[in-house]
Amino acid sequence: MDEKYDVVELAVERTVGIKVTFADNYSAEIDLMTLRLICPCAMCRSLRERGKAAWPQSEGSQKLSIQDAQFHGSWGVNITWNDGHNAGIYTFQFLREIAESYLHSGLDLP
């Protein structure tokens, strides 16, 4: 794997988002809403492909926050959301590409 996807630091702020720093000193902050909307799990991807929102699932949804975050091997992080959703594994390559392609360019998220 390319060194630019190697993470040297990952900070989780449960009510804000994550900050990830890569081996080449590239750093990205990704907010809660962006993380939840780009959830890479099959269910959320399927909803997005059909033009539906992956979150919130109902009008009465609670305020978004991260309940837990665990490394998934050395290549990603699994986030458990306060609504119980925890199926998405955010690979470090995916997070880097999202940050470079969308967050810093002003493009709409996929």
N, C-alpha and C. Protein backbone atom coordinates (compact mmCIF):
# COMPACT_ATOMS: atom_id res chain seq x y z
N MET A 1 0.84 -1.18 0.00
CA MET A 1 0.00 0.00 0.00
C MET A 1 0.89 1.24 0.00
N ASP A 2 0.42 2.27 -0.65
CA ASP A 2 1.12 3.54 -0.73
C ASP A 2 1.23 4.16 0.66
N GLU A 3 2.42 4.66 0.99
CA GLU A 3 2.66 5.27 2.31
C GLU A 3 1.71 6.43 2.59
N LYS A 4 1.22 7.08 1.55
CA LYS A 4 0.35 8.23 1.81
C LYS A 4 -0.96 7.83 2.48
N TYR A 5 -1.27 6.53 2.50
CA TYR A 5 -2.47 6.05 3.18
C TYR A 5 -2.19 5.50 4.58
N ASP A 6 -0.93 5.54 5.00
CA ASP A 6 -0.57 5.07 6.34
C ASP A 6 -0.94 6.16 7.36
N VAL A 7 -1.72 5.79 8.35
CA VAL A 7 -2.16 6.74 9.37
C VAL A 7 -1.21 6.71 10.55
N VAL A 8 -0.79 7.89 10.97
CA VAL A 8 0.08 7.99 12.14
C VAL A 8 -0.69 8.50 13.36
N GLU A 9 -1.84 9.12 13.12
CA GLU A 9 -2.66 9.59 14.24
C GLU A 9 -4.11 9.68 13.80
N LEU A 10 -4.99 9.23 14.69
CA LEU A 10 -6.42 9.34 14.46
C LEU A 10 -7.06 9.82 15.74
N ALA A 11 -7.66 10.99 15.69
CA ALA A 11 -8.32 11.56 16.86
C ALA A 11 -9.82 11.58 16.62
N VAL A 12 -10.57 11.07 17.57
CA VAL A 12 -12.02 11.02 17.48
C VAL A 12 -12.62 11.98 18.48
N GLU A 13 -13.41 12.91 17.99
CA GLU A 13 -14.18 13.82 18.84
C GLU A 13 -15.63 13.41 18.65
N ARG A 14 -16.20 12.77 19.63
CA ARG A 14 -17.52 12.13 19.50
C ARG A 14 -18.62 13.04 18.98
N THR A 15 -18.58 14.32 19.28
CA THR A 15 -19.64 15.23 18.84
C THR A 15 -19.19 16.16 17.72
N VAL A 16 -17.98 15.93 17.20
CA VAL A 16 -17.44 16.81 16.16
C VAL A 16 -17.09 16.04 14.89
N GLY A 17 -16.30 14.97 15.02
CA GLY A 17 -15.85 14.20 13.87
C GLY A 17 -14.50 13.58 14.15
N ILE A 18 -13.72 13.38 13.09
CA ILE A 18 -12.40 12.80 13.25
C ILE A 18 -11.34 13.68 12.60
N LYS A 19 -10.13 13.55 13.12
CA LYS A 19 -8.97 14.18 12.50
C LYS A 19 -7.98 13.05 12.26
N VAL A 20 -7.56 12.92 11.02
CA VAL A 20 -6.65 11.85 10.66
C VAL A 20 -5.39 12.46 10.06
N THR A 21 -4.23 11.99 10.53
CA THR A 21 -2.94 12.46 10.04
C THR A 21 -2.22 11.27 9.42
N PHE A 22 -1.75 11.48 8.20
CA PHE A 22 -1.10 10.42 7.44
C PHE A 22 0.42 10.56 7.52
N ALA A 23 1.12 9.50 7.12
CA ALA A 23 2.58 9.44 7.23
C ALA A 23 3.29 10.56 6.49
N ASP A 24 2.66 11.07 5.43
CA ASP A 24 3.29 12.16 4.68
C ASP A 24 2.91 13.54 5.24
N ASN A 25 2.37 13.57 6.46
CA ASN A 25 1.96 14.78 7.18
C ASN A 25 0.69 15.43 6.64
N TYR A 26 0.03 14.80 5.69
CA TYR A 26 -1.27 15.30 5.25
C TYR A 26 -2.26 15.06 6.38
N SER A 27 -3.06 16.06 6.69
CA SER A 27 -4.01 15.96 7.78
C SER A 27 -5.39 16.38 7.28
N ALA A 28 -6.41 15.68 7.74
CA ALA A 28 -7.78 16.02 7.33
C ALA A 28 -8.71 15.92 8.52
N GLU A 29 -9.62 16.86 8.59
CA GLU A 29 -10.68 16.82 9.59
C GLU A 29 -11.98 16.56 8.85
N ILE A 30 -12.69 15.53 9.28
CA ILE A 30 -13.94 15.16 8.63
C ILE A 30 -15.05 15.21 9.68
N ASP A 31 -16.05 16.04 9.42
CA ASP A 31 -17.11 16.25 10.40
C ASP A 31 -18.08 15.08 10.46
N LEU A 32 -18.86 15.02 11.53
CA LEU A 32 -19.81 13.94 11.77
C LEU A 32 -20.76 13.71 10.61
N MET A 33 -21.39 14.77 10.14
CA MET A 33 -22.40 14.63 9.10
C MET A 33 -21.79 14.06 7.82
N THR A 34 -20.61 14.54 7.45
CA THR A 34 -19.95 14.01 6.26
C THR A 34 -19.65 12.52 6.45
N LEU A 35 -19.09 12.16 7.59
CA LEU A 35 -18.78 10.75 7.85
C LEU A 35 -20.03 9.88 7.75
N ARG A 36 -21.13 10.33 8.34
CA ARG A 36 -22.35 9.52 8.33
C ARG A 36 -22.93 9.42 6.93
N LEU A 37 -22.89 10.52 6.19
CA LEU A 37 -23.46 10.52 4.84
C LEU A 37 -22.66 9.69 3.84
N ILE A 38 -21.35 9.52 4.10
CA ILE A 38 -20.51 8.73 3.19
C ILE A 38 -20.26 7.33 3.71
N CYS A 39 -21.03 6.90 4.69
CA CYS A 39 -20.82 5.57 5.27
C CYS A 39 -20.64 4.55 4.15
N PRO A 40 -19.54 3.80 4.19
CA PRO A 40 -19.24 2.88 3.09
C PRO A 40 -19.90 1.51 3.17
N CYS A 41 -20.79 1.29 4.13
CA CYS A 41 -21.40 -0.04 4.23
C CYS A 41 -22.35 -0.28 3.05
N ALA A 42 -22.65 -1.55 2.80
CA ALA A 42 -23.49 -1.93 1.66
C ALA A 42 -24.88 -1.30 1.74
N MET A 43 -25.47 -1.26 2.94
CA MET A 43 -26.81 -0.70 3.08
C MET A 43 -26.83 0.79 2.72
N CYS A 44 -25.89 1.55 3.27
CA CYS A 44 -25.86 2.99 3.00
C CYS A 44 -25.52 3.28 1.54
N ARG A 45 -24.58 2.52 0.97
CA ARG A 45 -24.26 2.70 -0.46
C ARG A 45 -25.49 2.43 -1.32
N SER A 46 -26.22 1.37 -1.00
CA SER A 46 -27.43 1.03 -1.75
C SER A 46 -28.47 2.14 -1.67
N LEU A 47 -28.66 2.68 -0.48
CA LEU A 47 -29.61 3.80 -0.33
C LEU A 47 -29.19 4.99 -1.18
N ARG A 48 -27.90 5.35 -1.14
CA ARG A 48 -27.42 6.48 -1.93
C ARG A 48 -27.60 6.24 -3.43
N GLU A 49 -27.31 5.02 -3.86
CA GLU A 49 -27.46 4.68 -5.29
C GLU A 49 -28.89 4.79 -5.76
N ARG A 50 -29.86 4.62 -4.84
CA ARG A 50 -31.28 4.75 -5.17
C ARG A 50 -31.81 6.16 -4.91
N GLY A 51 -30.88 7.09 -4.59
CA GLY A 51 -31.27 8.48 -4.37
C GLY A 51 -31.90 8.75 -3.02
N LYS A 52 -31.72 7.83 -2.09
CA LYS A 52 -32.29 8.00 -0.75
C LYS A 52 -31.20 8.38 0.23
N ALA A 53 -31.61 9.00 1.32
CA ALA A 53 -30.66 9.42 2.35
C ALA A 53 -30.28 8.24 3.23
N ALA A 54 -29.00 8.11 3.52
CA ALA A 54 -28.52 7.07 4.43
C ALA A 54 -28.78 7.48 5.88
N TRP A 55 -28.87 8.76 6.12
CA TRP A 55 -29.15 9.28 7.46
C TRP A 55 -29.77 10.65 7.32
N PRO A 56 -30.70 11.07 8.09
CA PRO A 56 -31.36 10.30 9.14
C PRO A 56 -32.40 9.36 8.55
N GLN A 57 -32.67 8.30 9.26
CA GLN A 57 -33.65 7.32 8.81
C GLN A 57 -35.07 7.73 9.16
N SER A 58 -35.24 8.63 10.12
CA SER A 58 -36.57 9.08 10.50
C SER A 58 -36.51 10.54 10.93
N GLU A 59 -37.67 11.17 10.93
CA GLU A 59 -37.75 12.58 11.31
C GLU A 59 -37.32 12.81 12.75
N GLY A 60 -37.56 11.85 13.62
CA GLY A 60 -37.26 12.01 15.04
C GLY A 60 -35.88 11.53 15.43
N SER A 61 -34.97 11.45 14.45
CA SER A 61 -33.63 10.96 14.76
C SER A 61 -32.94 11.84 15.79
N GLN A 62 -32.17 11.20 16.64
CA GLN A 62 -31.45 11.92 17.67
C GLN A 62 -30.26 12.67 17.07
N LYS A 63 -29.70 13.57 17.83
CA LYS A 63 -28.54 14.32 17.39
C LYS A 63 -27.38 13.35 17.14
N LEU A 64 -26.71 13.51 16.04
CA LEU A 64 -25.66 12.60 15.61
C LEU A 64 -24.41 12.69 16.49
N SER A 65 -23.87 11.52 16.84
CA SER A 65 -22.60 11.47 17.57
C SER A 65 -21.97 10.09 17.38
N ILE A 66 -20.68 10.02 17.64
CA ILE A 66 -19.96 8.75 17.57
C ILE A 66 -20.00 8.12 18.95
N GLN A 67 -20.49 6.90 19.01
CA GLN A 67 -20.53 6.17 20.28
C GLN A 67 -19.19 5.47 20.53
N ASP A 68 -18.59 4.92 19.46
CA ASP A 68 -17.33 4.20 19.59
C ASP A 68 -16.62 4.19 18.25
N ALA A 69 -15.32 4.05 18.28
CA ALA A 69 -14.51 3.92 17.06
C ALA A 69 -13.37 2.98 17.37
N GLN A 70 -13.20 1.98 16.51
CA GLN A 70 -12.16 0.98 16.71
C GLN A 70 -11.37 0.80 15.42
N PHE A 71 -10.07 0.65 15.55
CA PHE A 71 -9.27 0.34 14.37
C PHE A 71 -9.72 -1.01 13.81
N HIS A 72 -9.76 -1.10 12.51
CA HIS A 72 -10.05 -2.36 11.83
C HIS A 72 -8.76 -2.78 11.14
N GLY A 73 -8.00 -3.60 11.81
CA GLY A 73 -6.67 -3.95 11.31
C GLY A 73 -5.81 -2.69 11.27
N SER A 74 -4.94 -2.63 10.28
CA SER A 74 -4.08 -1.45 10.12
C SER A 74 -4.52 -0.61 8.93
N TRP A 75 -5.71 -0.86 8.42
CA TRP A 75 -6.12 -0.18 7.20
C TRP A 75 -7.44 0.58 7.28
N GLY A 76 -8.07 0.61 8.45
CA GLY A 76 -9.33 1.34 8.52
C GLY A 76 -9.84 1.50 9.94
N VAL A 77 -10.99 2.15 10.03
CA VAL A 77 -11.63 2.39 11.32
C VAL A 77 -13.12 2.06 11.18
N ASN A 78 -13.65 1.40 12.19
CA ASN A 78 -15.07 1.07 12.24
C ASN A 78 -15.71 2.01 13.26
N ILE A 79 -16.73 2.72 12.81
CA ILE A 79 -17.41 3.68 13.68
C ILE A 79 -18.77 3.14 14.08
N THR A 80 -19.07 3.21 15.37
CA THR A 80 -20.40 2.90 15.86
C THR A 80 -21.07 4.23 16.18
N TRP A 81 -22.21 4.45 15.53
CA TRP A 81 -22.95 5.70 15.71
C TRP A 81 -23.94 5.55 16.84
N ASN A 82 -24.38 6.67 17.38
CA ASN A 82 -25.31 6.63 18.51
C ASN A 82 -26.68 6.08 18.13
N ASP A 83 -26.96 5.91 16.84
CA ASP A 83 -28.21 5.27 16.43
C ASP A 83 -28.03 3.76 16.29
N GLY A 84 -26.83 3.26 16.66
CA GLY A 84 -26.55 1.83 16.62
C GLY A 84 -25.93 1.34 15.33
N HIS A 85 -25.93 2.17 14.30
CA HIS A 85 -25.36 1.76 13.02
C HIS A 85 -23.84 1.59 13.18
N ASN A 86 -23.31 0.45 12.71
CA ASN A 86 -21.88 0.21 12.86
C ASN A 86 -21.31 -0.69 11.76
N ALA A 87 -21.97 -0.73 10.61
CA ALA A 87 -21.58 -1.67 9.56
C ALA A 87 -20.47 -1.15 8.65
N GLY A 88 -20.20 0.13 8.68
CA GLY A 88 -19.22 0.70 7.74
C GLY A 88 -17.79 0.65 8.26
N ILE A 89 -16.89 0.19 7.42
CA ILE A 89 -15.46 0.27 7.71
C ILE A 89 -14.88 1.34 6.79
N TYR A 90 -14.41 2.40 7.40
CA TYR A 90 -13.85 3.52 6.66
C TYR A 90 -12.36 3.23 6.47
N THR A 91 -11.98 2.81 5.26
CA THR A 91 -10.56 2.55 5.03
C THR A 91 -9.82 3.89 5.04
N PHE A 92 -8.55 3.83 5.40
CA PHE A 92 -7.77 5.06 5.43
C PHE A 92 -7.61 5.63 4.02
N GLN A 93 -7.54 4.76 3.03
CA GLN A 93 -7.47 5.23 1.65
C GLN A 93 -8.75 5.99 1.28
N PHE A 94 -9.91 5.45 1.66
CA PHE A 94 -11.19 6.09 1.40
C PHE A 94 -11.26 7.46 2.08
N LEU A 95 -10.85 7.53 3.35
CA LEU A 95 -10.88 8.82 4.06
C LEU A 95 -9.97 9.84 3.39
N ARG A 96 -8.79 9.41 2.98
CA ARG A 96 -7.85 10.31 2.30
C ARG A 96 -8.44 10.80 0.99
N GLU A 97 -9.01 9.89 0.22
CA GLU A 97 -9.58 10.28 -1.07
C GLU A 97 -10.77 11.22 -0.90
N ILE A 98 -11.60 10.97 0.10
CA ILE A 98 -12.73 11.87 0.37
C ILE A 98 -12.21 13.25 0.73
N ALA A 99 -11.23 13.30 1.60
CA ALA A 99 -10.67 14.59 2.02
C ALA A 99 -10.07 15.34 0.85
N GLU A 100 -9.26 14.67 0.06
CA GLU A 100 -8.60 15.33 -1.08
C GLU A 100 -9.58 15.72 -2.18
N SER A 101 -10.51 14.83 -2.48
CA SER A 101 -11.40 15.05 -3.63
C SER A 101 -12.58 15.95 -3.35
N TYR A 102 -13.12 15.87 -2.14
CA TYR A 102 -14.36 16.58 -1.88
C TYR A 102 -14.24 17.69 -0.85
N LEU A 103 -13.67 17.38 0.28
CA LEU A 103 -13.64 18.37 1.36
C LEU A 103 -12.84 19.61 1.00
N HIS A 104 -11.74 19.43 0.30
CA HIS A 104 -10.88 20.56 -0.03
C HIS A 104 -11.18 21.17 -1.39
N SER A 105 -12.11 20.57 -2.13
CA SER A 105 -12.40 21.09 -3.47
C SER A 105 -13.75 21.79 -3.56
N GLY A 106 -14.61 21.56 -2.58
CA GLY A 106 -15.93 22.14 -2.62
C GLY A 106 -16.91 21.34 -3.47
N LEU A 107 -16.50 20.17 -3.98
CA LEU A 107 -17.40 19.33 -4.75
C LEU A 107 -18.43 18.68 -3.84
N ASP A 108 -19.56 18.30 -4.41
CA ASP A 108 -20.57 17.59 -3.65
C ASP A 108 -20.10 16.17 -3.37
N LEU A 109 -20.45 15.67 -2.20
CA LEU A 109 -20.08 14.30 -1.83
C LEU A 109 -20.79 13.31 -2.72
N PRO A 110 -20.17 12.14 -2.92
CA PRO A 110 -20.80 11.12 -3.78
C PRO A 110 -22.06 10.56 -3.14
